[in-house]
Amino acid sequence: MGKIQDCVEYVETTVKANITLSGSNAFPNEQQMTGLFGNFFEGEAEFQARSDGWGQSFHSAVAYILGPQSNMFEVYKQLEGKLETICVSLMNNPTLGGNCDTSGPCGYKKTIIELAGVKYAGYELYVNNIKIKR
């Protein structure tokens, strides 16, 4: 069984198969300020012990798919319909490429965040209840 980082990487691969990103760093650089970029990371986690030597953990994987807020119309136009396609693809593979026991709900919501003094608009994509055996 995989680790949560393997699941996050699977989500990243799925997003990149559907959306052309100028990068996927934690913070955008000057070239990314005009194009879409992604930030992929682990979200929340809960660990449960079951019996001696066995347990499970539940995680979430999160992705921000963003572009400059100053070009918000174009950002949302580029992403139109793509988040639904990504969620369907992720739900069709509940083991996230064999990296987890099962994953739970997948969804997205519009978001506006500020990084290094620049505002970005786009979507927050999430996959919750990723179950990993311990």
Protein backbone atom coordinates (compact mmCIF):
# COMPACT_ATOMS: atom_id res chain seq x y z
CA MET A 1 0.00 0.00 0.00
CA GLY A 2 1.25 3.45 -0.82
CA LYS A 3 1.76 6.63 1.15
CA ILE A 4 -0.31 9.79 1.03
CA GLN A 5 2.37 11.49 -1.07
CA ASP A 6 1.88 8.80 -3.73
CA CYS A 7 -1.84 9.65 -3.76
CA VAL A 8 -1.08 13.37 -4.07
CA GLU A 9 1.22 12.61 -7.01
CA TYR A 10 -1.55 10.55 -8.65
CA VAL A 11 -3.93 13.51 -8.30
CA GLU A 12 -1.26 15.77 -9.81
CA THR A 13 -0.77 13.40 -12.76
CA THR A 14 -4.53 13.29 -13.35
CA VAL A 15 -4.83 17.08 -13.26
CA LYS A 16 -1.88 17.53 -15.63
CA ALA A 17 -3.43 15.03 -18.07
CA ASN A 18 -6.46 17.34 -18.37
CA ILE A 19 -5.07 20.86 -17.88
CA THR A 20 -1.95 22.48 -19.31
CA LEU A 21 -0.10 24.10 -16.41
CA SER A 22 2.83 26.49 -16.61
CA GLY A 23 4.18 24.91 -13.42
CA SER A 24 3.33 23.12 -10.21
CA ASN A 25 5.38 24.84 -7.52
CA ALA A 26 4.34 25.94 -4.05
CA PHE A 27 4.81 29.56 -5.09
CA PRO A 28 4.48 30.97 -8.60
CA ASN A 29 7.38 32.50 -10.42
CA GLU A 30 7.17 35.39 -12.90
CA GLN A 31 6.41 33.11 -15.86
CA GLN A 32 3.47 31.55 -14.02
CA MET A 33 1.83 34.89 -13.35
CA THR A 34 0.26 34.83 -16.81
CA GLY A 35 -0.65 31.13 -17.06
CA LEU A 36 -2.36 28.46 -15.00
CA PHE A 37 -0.32 26.75 -12.30
CA GLY A 38 -1.00 24.05 -9.74
CA ASN A 39 -0.11 23.54 -6.12
CA PHE A 40 -0.57 19.95 -4.88
CA PHE A 41 -0.35 18.94 -1.23
CA GLU A 42 -1.62 16.78 1.62
CA GLY A 43 -4.64 18.17 3.42
CA GLU A 44 -6.08 16.85 6.67
CA ALA A 45 -5.36 13.45 8.22
CA GLU A 46 -6.74 11.25 10.99
CA PHE A 47 -4.98 8.14 12.31
CA GLN A 48 -6.83 5.25 13.94
CA ALA A 49 -5.26 2.29 15.74
CA ARG A 50 -7.23 -0.95 15.46
CA SER A 51 -5.22 -3.69 17.11
CA ASP A 52 -1.60 -4.52 17.83
CA GLY A 53 0.41 -3.72 14.72
CA TRP A 54 -2.52 -2.68 12.56
CA GLY A 55 -4.36 0.55 11.92
CA GLN A 56 -5.50 2.86 9.22
CA SER A 57 -5.36 6.51 8.38
CA PHE A 58 -7.71 8.78 6.47
CA HIS A 59 -6.26 11.65 4.46
CA SER A 60 -7.18 14.30 1.95
CA ALA A 61 -5.29 15.42 -1.13
CA VAL A 62 -5.70 19.04 -2.20
CA ALA A 63 -4.82 20.89 -5.38
CA TYR A 64 -5.06 24.56 -6.19
CA ILE A 65 -5.39 25.23 -9.93
CA LEU A 66 -4.91 28.98 -10.29
CA GLY A 67 -4.24 31.83 -12.64
CA PRO A 68 -3.87 35.59 -12.11
CA GLN A 69 -6.99 37.24 -10.70
CA SER A 70 -6.36 40.17 -13.03
CA ASN A 71 -7.23 37.74 -15.86
CA MET A 72 -10.02 35.93 -13.98
CA PHE A 73 -12.41 35.60 -16.94
CA GLU A 74 -9.77 33.81 -19.02
CA VAL A 75 -8.73 31.60 -16.08
CA TYR A 76 -12.27 30.30 -15.54
CA LYS A 77 -12.84 29.98 -19.30
CA GLN A 78 -9.72 27.75 -19.60
CA LEU A 79 -10.92 25.57 -16.73
CA GLU A 80 -14.54 25.31 -17.83
CA GLY A 81 -15.73 21.69 -17.54
CA LYS A 82 -12.28 20.34 -16.78
CA LEU A 83 -12.69 19.98 -13.01
CA GLU A 84 -15.72 17.74 -13.51
CA THR A 85 -13.73 15.54 -15.89
CA ILE A 86 -10.89 15.30 -13.36
CA CYS A 87 -13.24 14.36 -10.50
CA VAL A 88 -14.93 11.67 -12.58
CA SER A 89 -11.53 10.27 -13.55
CA LEU A 90 -10.38 10.20 -9.91
CA MET A 91 -13.60 8.56 -8.73
CA ASN A 92 -13.30 5.91 -11.47
CA ASN A 93 -10.04 4.81 -9.83
CA PRO A 94 -10.85 4.71 -6.07
CA THR A 95 -7.39 3.29 -5.25
CA LEU A 96 -5.74 6.31 -6.90
CA GLY A 97 -3.49 4.14 -9.02
CA GLY A 98 -3.12 1.38 -6.40
CA ASN A 99 -1.79 3.80 -3.78
CA CYS A 100 -4.61 3.57 -1.26
CA ASP A 101 -7.32 1.22 -0.09
CA THR A 102 -10.10 3.55 -1.20
CA SER A 103 -10.73 7.24 -1.66
CA GLY A 104 -13.86 9.12 -0.76
CA PRO A 105 -15.65 12.10 -2.18
CA CYS A 106 -13.94 14.31 -4.72
CA GLY A 107 -15.02 17.87 -5.36
CA TYR A 108 -13.98 21.40 -6.15
CA LYS A 109 -14.86 24.98 -5.39
CA LYS A 110 -13.89 28.39 -6.71
CA THR A 111 -11.22 30.17 -4.72
CA ILE A 112 -9.21 33.37 -4.66
CA ILE A 113 -5.92 33.37 -2.74
CA GLU A 114 -2.97 35.69 -2.37
CA LEU A 115 0.62 34.50 -2.77
CA ALA A 116 3.59 36.82 -2.41
CA GLY A 117 1.29 39.84 -2.63
CA VAL A 118 -0.40 38.75 -5.88
CA LYS A 119 -4.04 37.59 -6.00
CA TYR A 120 -4.90 34.42 -7.93
CA ALA A 121 -8.26 32.96 -8.92
CA GLY A 122 -9.18 29.41 -9.78
CA TYR A 123 -10.31 26.25 -8.08
CA GLU A 124 -9.50 24.19 -5.03
CA LEU A 125 -9.82 20.50 -5.89
CA TYR A 126 -10.00 17.94 -3.08
CA VAL A 127 -10.18 14.19 -2.60
CA ASN A 128 -11.27 13.24 0.93
CA ASN A 129 -11.27 10.03 2.97
CA ILE A 130 -8.23 8.49 1.33
CA LYS A 131 -7.82 5.33 3.39
CA ILE A 132 -4.35 3.86 3.84
CA LYS A 133 -3.68 0.66 5.80
CA ARG A 134 -1.00 0.85 8.47
